[in-house]
Amino acid sequence: MSEAVIIDTDPGLDDALALFLACASPKLEILGITTVAGNLALSGTTGNALKLLHYLDRNEIPVIAGCAGPLRRESFEVADIHGKDGLGGAELPSPERQALDIHAVEWLGEELLRRPTNTVRILALGPLTNLAHLVESRPAAAKRISGIVAMGGAVREAGNVTEFAEFNIATDPEAAAIVFGSGIPVTLVPLDVTRKVLADREWNAALLAGGGRIARMANGLIEAYLRNLVARRVAKGASTHGLAAKFPMHDPCVILHALDPSFFRAEDLPLRVVTDGFERDGATVIDPHSKSLVEVLTGVDGDHALAFILERLTALP
């Protein structure tokens, strides 16, 4: 029996692979894709979601554009990693359809209220702005969510935009704090585990050799990330000598957990999101005084996770 899910995303190279993986699984009934500004401006993330679903022949899944920026601060983007188009320059045909003519928060509220309580889970791949807005503006609808699985944070490891903060949380830490404190069950998929599910060029070659056109596209997206990673290091004046470029499966780990949580180990931790605008801004810290108890993934069987992802992606046409 399939599980009803809504994917909230900001595609994004790893978001694209997550969508490929989700669409490859009959276990997930994808009710809709809601988009948010994050890796790109909202027009870019929404356009990418439409293109990716069109490439996957899943045009029946609605795309709904959401928040164009964080709740209470300016946004920033990471085009140096994802490319100016967010997809590493991949050539994807544009679909004729457009996003629905309704804001994602309004659509989420209506969708949740028309379905039984605790029957829809949210898989969040980007900043949590849409979901925080839902909690604040449509609390009755938000309370019907069965749970949220969100990629974000760095709990016991260093961040990736600062020493302390991970991109999704750092983009809108106020939103993350609202979602964590909402009472909705949250499973956090932090860098602590996503950095342990790393695709290298050998894995990517196996993906290309074993799959069809979707695997070929996934291979190209990963290769674009690896090229951009090297270019980023060069631009910063860092040495690339001995660099073993690898693609961290950040967002695919959210889908992986939804499909089979046994790949991961988890702890219930009291988390606080730092929102003070100073050095640790955007950090997700363990705070015994925090009232936000979050299920945090703290361990993963990386080899088996990669094998599972490879199997699913190469099975696609």
Protein backbone atom coordinates (compact mmCIF):
# COMPACT_ATOMS: atom_id res chain seq x y z
CA MET A 1 0.00 0.00 0.00
CA SER A 2 1.38 3.40 -0.97
CA GLU A 3 1.88 6.34 1.39
CA ALA A 4 0.56 9.78 0.46
CA VAL A 5 3.36 12.34 0.46
CA ILE A 6 3.96 15.92 -0.63
CA ILE A 7 7.50 16.87 -1.63
CA ASP A 8 8.55 20.41 -0.74
CA THR A 9 11.67 21.25 -2.72
CA ASP A 10 14.04 23.76 -4.35
CA PRO A 11 15.61 21.83 -7.27
CA GLY A 12 18.79 21.67 -7.15
CA LEU A 13 21.02 18.82 -8.37
CA ASP A 14 20.51 16.54 -5.37
CA ASP A 15 16.81 17.50 -5.29
CA ALA A 16 16.59 16.19 -8.85
CA LEU A 17 18.01 12.82 -7.85
CA ALA A 18 15.61 12.73 -4.91
CA LEU A 19 12.69 13.29 -7.29
CA PHE A 20 14.00 10.54 -9.57
CA LEU A 21 14.19 8.17 -6.62
CA ALA A 22 10.72 9.12 -5.33
CA CYS A 23 9.10 8.68 -8.72
CA ALA A 24 10.79 5.30 -9.05
CA SER A 25 8.95 3.96 -6.01
CA PRO A 26 5.35 2.72 -6.08
CA LYS A 27 5.43 2.94 -2.28
CA LEU A 28 5.01 6.71 -2.51
CA GLU A 29 1.85 8.38 -3.80
CA ILE A 30 3.12 11.86 -4.64
CA LEU A 31 0.17 14.24 -4.23
CA GLY A 32 2.09 17.30 -5.35
CA ILE A 33 5.40 19.11 -5.53
CA THR A 34 5.53 22.42 -3.70
CA THR A 35 8.45 24.69 -4.48
CA VAL A 36 10.35 27.21 -2.40
CA ALA A 37 13.21 29.63 -3.00
CA GLY A 38 16.51 28.14 -1.93
CA ASN A 39 19.12 26.81 -4.33
CA LEU A 40 17.64 29.27 -6.84
CA ALA A 41 15.00 31.97 -6.90
CA LEU A 42 11.43 30.66 -6.83
CA SER A 43 10.91 30.97 -10.60
CA GLY A 44 13.95 28.75 -11.14
CA THR A 45 13.04 26.07 -8.61
CA THR A 46 9.46 25.94 -9.91
CA GLY A 47 10.60 25.72 -13.53
CA ASN A 48 13.03 22.96 -12.64
CA ALA A 49 10.36 20.96 -10.85
CA LEU A 50 8.13 21.16 -13.93
CA LYS A 51 11.00 20.16 -16.25
CA LEU A 52 12.05 17.22 -14.08
CA LEU A 53 8.53 15.82 -13.80
CA HIS A 54 8.08 16.23 -17.56
CA TYR A 55 11.32 14.31 -18.16
CA LEU A 56 10.05 11.59 -15.82
CA ASP A 57 6.70 11.41 -17.66
CA ARG A 58 4.95 12.37 -14.43
CA ASN A 59 2.99 15.39 -15.61
CA GLU A 60 -0.01 14.26 -13.59
CA ILE A 61 1.76 15.42 -10.41
CA PRO A 62 0.84 19.06 -9.77
CA VAL A 63 3.54 21.66 -9.12
CA ILE A 64 2.65 24.57 -6.85
CA ALA A 65 4.93 27.56 -6.26
CA GLY A 66 5.36 28.76 -2.69
CA CYS A 67 7.42 31.31 -0.82
CA ALA A 68 9.83 33.49 -2.79
CA GLY A 69 12.13 34.18 0.16
CA PRO A 70 12.73 33.51 3.85
CA LEU A 71 10.22 34.61 6.45
CA ARG A 72 12.25 37.42 8.02
CA ARG A 73 15.57 37.82 6.19
CA GLU A 74 17.26 38.16 2.82
CA SER A 75 17.90 35.03 0.75
CA PHE A 76 21.11 33.73 -0.77
CA GLU A 77 21.79 31.16 -3.50
CA VAL A 78 24.46 28.55 -4.29
CA ALA A 79 24.74 28.73 -8.07
CA ASP A 80 28.44 27.87 -7.94
CA ILE A 81 27.56 24.30 -6.95
CA HIS A 82 24.25 23.76 -8.75
CA GLY A 83 24.96 25.92 -11.79
CA LYS A 84 23.07 29.04 -12.84
CA ASP A 85 20.05 26.97 -13.82
CA GLY A 86 20.21 24.79 -10.70
CA LEU A 87 20.67 21.65 -12.79
CA GLY A 88 24.27 21.97 -13.88
CA GLY A 89 23.32 23.06 -17.40
CA ALA A 90 21.35 19.88 -18.14
CA GLU A 91 19.29 20.13 -21.31
CA LEU A 92 15.71 19.37 -20.33
CA PRO A 93 12.71 20.10 -22.57
CA SER A 94 10.24 22.60 -21.15
CA PRO A 95 6.73 21.25 -20.58
CA GLU A 96 3.68 23.07 -21.89
CA ARG A 97 2.01 23.14 -18.50
CA GLN A 98 2.66 25.63 -15.71
CA ALA A 99 2.43 25.57 -11.94
CA LEU A 100 -1.07 25.68 -10.49
CA ASP A 101 -2.51 29.17 -10.03
CA ILE A 102 -2.53 29.00 -6.23
CA HIS A 103 0.11 29.63 -3.56
CA ALA A 104 1.68 26.47 -2.17
CA VAL A 105 0.71 27.31 1.41
CA GLU A 106 -2.93 27.73 0.43
CA TRP A 107 -2.83 24.51 -1.62
CA LEU A 108 -1.22 22.62 1.27
CA GLY A 109 -3.92 23.83 3.63
CA GLU A 110 -6.72 22.75 1.31
CA GLU A 111 -5.11 19.38 0.53
CA LEU A 112 -4.52 18.55 4.19
CA LEU A 113 -8.02 19.58 5.28
CA ARG A 114 -9.72 17.43 2.65
CA ARG A 115 -7.84 14.29 3.66
CA PRO A 116 -8.06 12.30 6.91
CA THR A 117 -5.78 13.46 9.70
CA ASN A 118 -2.32 11.84 9.84
CA THR A 119 -2.49 10.39 6.33
CA VAL A 120 -0.11 12.79 4.55
CA ARG A 121 3.62 13.12 5.20
CA ILE A 122 5.78 15.99 4.00
CA LEU A 123 9.21 15.26 2.52
CA ALA A 124 11.12 18.55 2.74
CA LEU A 125 14.22 18.93 0.58
CA GLY A 126 14.81 22.69 0.90
CA PRO A 127 14.38 25.57 3.34
CA LEU A 128 11.34 25.13 5.57
CA THR A 129 9.71 28.46 4.67
CA ASN A 130 6.52 27.03 3.15
CA LEU A 131 5.93 24.73 6.10
CA ALA A 132 6.58 27.43 8.69
CA HIS A 133 4.16 29.71 6.85
CA LEU A 134 1.60 26.88 6.92
CA VAL A 135 2.08 26.39 10.68
CA GLU A 136 1.57 30.10 11.31
CA SER A 137 -1.27 30.81 8.88
CA ARG A 138 -3.14 27.48 8.70
CA PRO A 139 -2.49 25.78 12.07
CA ALA A 140 -5.54 23.49 11.87
CA ALA A 141 -4.31 22.12 8.55
CA ALA A 142 -0.71 21.83 9.71
CA LYS A 143 -1.74 19.71 12.67
CA ARG A 144 -3.11 17.08 10.27
CA ILE A 145 0.37 16.32 8.87
CA SER A 146 1.48 12.85 9.96
CA GLY A 147 5.12 13.88 9.99
CA ILE A 148 7.85 15.86 8.27
CA VAL A 149 11.12 14.35 7.04
CA ALA A 150 13.47 17.28 6.39
CA MET A 151 16.98 17.45 4.99
CA GLY A 152 18.86 20.03 7.00
CA GLY A 153 21.19 20.88 9.82
CA ALA A 154 24.56 19.81 11.10
CA VAL A 155 24.18 18.49 14.62
CA ARG A 156 27.54 16.97 15.59
CA GLU A 157 29.43 17.91 12.42
CA ALA A 158 30.52 21.14 10.78
CA GLY A 159 28.15 23.00 8.49
CA ASN A 160 28.52 23.60 4.77
CA VAL A 161 27.79 27.33 4.45
CA THR A 162 29.56 28.28 7.67
CA GLU A 163 31.51 26.27 10.19
CA PHE A 164 28.30 25.82 12.16
CA ALA A 165 25.35 25.95 9.74
CA GLU A 166 23.95 23.86 6.89
CA PHE A 167 22.41 25.57 3.84
CA ASN A 168 18.70 24.67 4.17
CA ILE A 169 18.51 25.73 7.81
CA ALA A 170 20.81 28.74 7.37
CA THR A 171 18.66 30.04 4.50
CA ASP A 172 15.67 30.41 6.82
CA PRO A 173 16.51 29.55 10.44
CA GLU A 174 13.38 31.25 11.77
CA ALA A 175 11.28 28.90 9.64
CA ALA A 176 13.16 25.86 10.94
CA ALA A 177 12.63 26.99 14.53
CA ILE A 178 8.89 27.34 13.90
CA VAL A 179 8.62 23.89 12.32
CA PHE A 180 10.70 22.19 15.02
CA GLY A 181 8.54 23.76 17.72
CA SER A 182 5.20 23.11 15.99
CA GLY A 183 4.40 19.80 17.65
CA ILE A 184 4.38 18.05 14.26
CA PRO A 185 6.65 14.97 14.38
CA VAL A 186 9.89 15.94 12.61
CA THR A 187 12.65 13.65 11.41
CA LEU A 188 15.79 15.61 10.60
CA VAL A 189 18.23 14.29 7.99
CA PRO A 190 21.41 16.28 8.72
CA LEU A 191 24.85 16.46 7.17
CA ASP A 192 25.88 13.98 9.87
CA VAL A 193 24.39 11.20 7.72
CA THR A 194 24.16 12.64 4.21
CA ARG A 195 27.94 13.09 4.09
CA LYS A 196 28.25 9.35 4.64
CA VAL A 197 26.26 8.47 1.50
CA LEU A 198 28.79 9.57 -1.11
CA ALA A 199 28.70 8.72 -4.80
CA ASP A 200 32.12 8.76 -6.45
CA ARG A 201 32.90 8.60 -10.16
CA GLU A 202 33.08 4.79 -10.06
CA TRP A 203 29.52 4.65 -8.68
CA ASN A 204 28.45 7.22 -11.25
CA ALA A 205 29.97 5.14 -14.05
CA ALA A 206 27.99 2.12 -12.85
CA LEU A 207 24.85 4.26 -12.93
CA LEU A 208 25.54 5.23 -16.54
CA ALA A 209 26.39 1.68 -17.61
CA GLY A 210 23.41 0.03 -15.98
CA GLY A 211 20.50 2.34 -16.64
CA GLY A 212 18.32 4.00 -19.22
CA ARG A 213 17.74 7.63 -20.14
CA ILE A 214 16.85 8.71 -16.58
CA ALA A 215 20.01 7.11 -15.20
CA ARG A 216 21.95 8.91 -17.94
CA MET A 217 20.43 12.19 -16.84
CA ALA A 218 21.24 11.42 -13.20
CA ASN A 219 24.80 10.61 -14.21
CA GLY A 220 25.10 13.97 -15.94
CA LEU A 221 23.74 15.84 -12.91
CA ILE A 222 26.24 14.16 -10.61
CA GLU A 223 29.09 14.86 -13.00
CA ALA A 224 28.08 18.53 -13.14
CA TYR A 225 28.22 18.69 -9.35
CA LEU A 226 31.68 17.10 -9.28
CA ARG A 227 32.97 19.54 -11.90
CA ASN A 228 31.50 22.49 -10.02
CA LEU A 229 33.01 21.25 -6.76
CA VAL A 230 36.49 21.27 -8.27
CA ALA A 231 35.90 24.68 -9.87
CA ARG A 232 34.72 26.07 -6.56
CA ARG A 233 37.90 24.94 -4.83
CA VAL A 234 40.02 26.49 -7.57
CA ALA A 235 38.10 29.78 -7.32
CA LYS A 236 38.81 29.87 -3.60
CA GLY A 237 42.50 29.26 -4.22
CA ALA A 238 42.41 25.80 -2.62
CA SER A 239 44.47 22.93 -3.94
CA THR A 240 42.74 20.13 -5.83
CA HIS A 241 45.71 17.79 -5.41
CA GLY A 242 44.46 14.45 -4.15
CA LEU A 243 40.85 15.64 -4.18
CA ALA A 244 38.49 12.67 -4.45
CA ALA A 245 35.38 14.48 -5.63
CA LYS A 246 32.22 12.84 -4.34
CA PHE A 247 28.51 13.62 -4.58
CA PRO A 248 26.74 13.63 -1.19
CA MET A 249 23.22 12.23 -1.41
CA HIS A 250 21.72 14.99 0.76
CA ASP A 251 18.13 15.08 -0.50
CA PRO A 252 17.95 11.48 -1.75
CA CYS A 253 18.48 10.45 1.90
CA VAL A 254 15.06 11.95 2.71
CA ILE A 255 13.41 9.73 0.12
CA LEU A 256 15.52 6.79 1.24
CA HIS A 257 14.29 7.20 4.82
CA ALA A 258 10.69 7.41 3.62
CA LEU A 259 11.14 4.16 1.70
CA ASP A 260 13.15 2.23 4.29
CA PRO A 261 14.11 3.85 7.62
CA SER A 262 16.16 0.76 8.56
CA PHE A 263 19.10 2.24 6.61
CA PHE A 264 19.47 4.80 9.41
CA ARG A 265 19.99 5.09 13.16
CA ALA A 266 18.15 7.84 14.98
CA GLU A 267 18.11 9.70 18.28
CA ASP A 268 15.44 11.92 19.79
CA LEU A 269 17.28 15.15 20.60
CA PRO A 270 16.23 18.53 22.00
CA LEU A 271 17.26 20.91 19.23
CA ARG A 272 17.49 24.68 19.13
CA VAL A 273 17.98 26.68 15.95
CA VAL A 274 20.26 29.69 16.39
CA THR A 275 18.61 32.80 14.92
CA ASP A 276 20.72 35.60 16.44
CA GLY A 277 22.46 36.72 13.25
CA PHE A 278 25.91 36.19 14.71
CA GLU A 279 28.64 33.62 14.14
CA ARG A 280 26.53 30.55 14.92
CA ASP A 281 23.45 31.82 13.10
CA GLY A 282 21.55 28.94 11.48
CA ALA A 283 23.19 26.26 13.60
CA THR A 284 21.14 23.33 14.92
CA VAL A 285 22.41 22.74 18.45
CA ILE A 286 21.55 20.17 21.08
CA ASP A 287 20.09 22.16 23.97
CA PRO A 288 18.73 20.31 27.05
CA HIS A 289 16.47 23.31 27.72
CA SER A 290 14.86 23.23 24.27
CA LYS A 291 11.22 22.15 24.09
CA SER A 292 11.67 21.05 20.46
CA LEU A 293 12.27 17.30 20.53
CA VAL A 294 13.32 16.14 17.07
CA GLU A 295 14.10 12.69 15.73
CA VAL A 296 17.60 13.18 14.30
CA LEU A 297 19.23 10.66 12.00
CA THR A 298 22.72 10.15 13.42
CA GLY A 299 23.96 7.04 11.61
CA VAL A 300 23.57 5.37 8.22
CA ASP A 301 24.67 2.25 6.37
CA GLY A 302 26.17 4.24 3.51
CA ASP A 303 27.24 1.32 1.31
CA HIS A 304 23.84 -0.34 1.37
CA ALA A 305 22.13 3.03 0.85
CA LEU A 306 24.17 3.66 -2.29
CA ALA A 307 23.48 0.15 -3.56
CA PHE A 308 19.74 0.69 -3.05
CA ILE A 309 19.77 4.04 -4.87
CA LEU A 310 21.78 2.55 -7.74
CA GLU A 311 19.36 -0.35 -8.06
CA ARG A 312 16.32 1.94 -8.14
CA LEU A 313 17.73 4.48 -10.58
CA THR A 314 19.07 1.89 -13.03
CA ALA A 315 15.67 0.20 -13.07
CA LEU A 316 14.06 3.34 -14.51
CA PRO A 317 13.49 3.48 -18.30
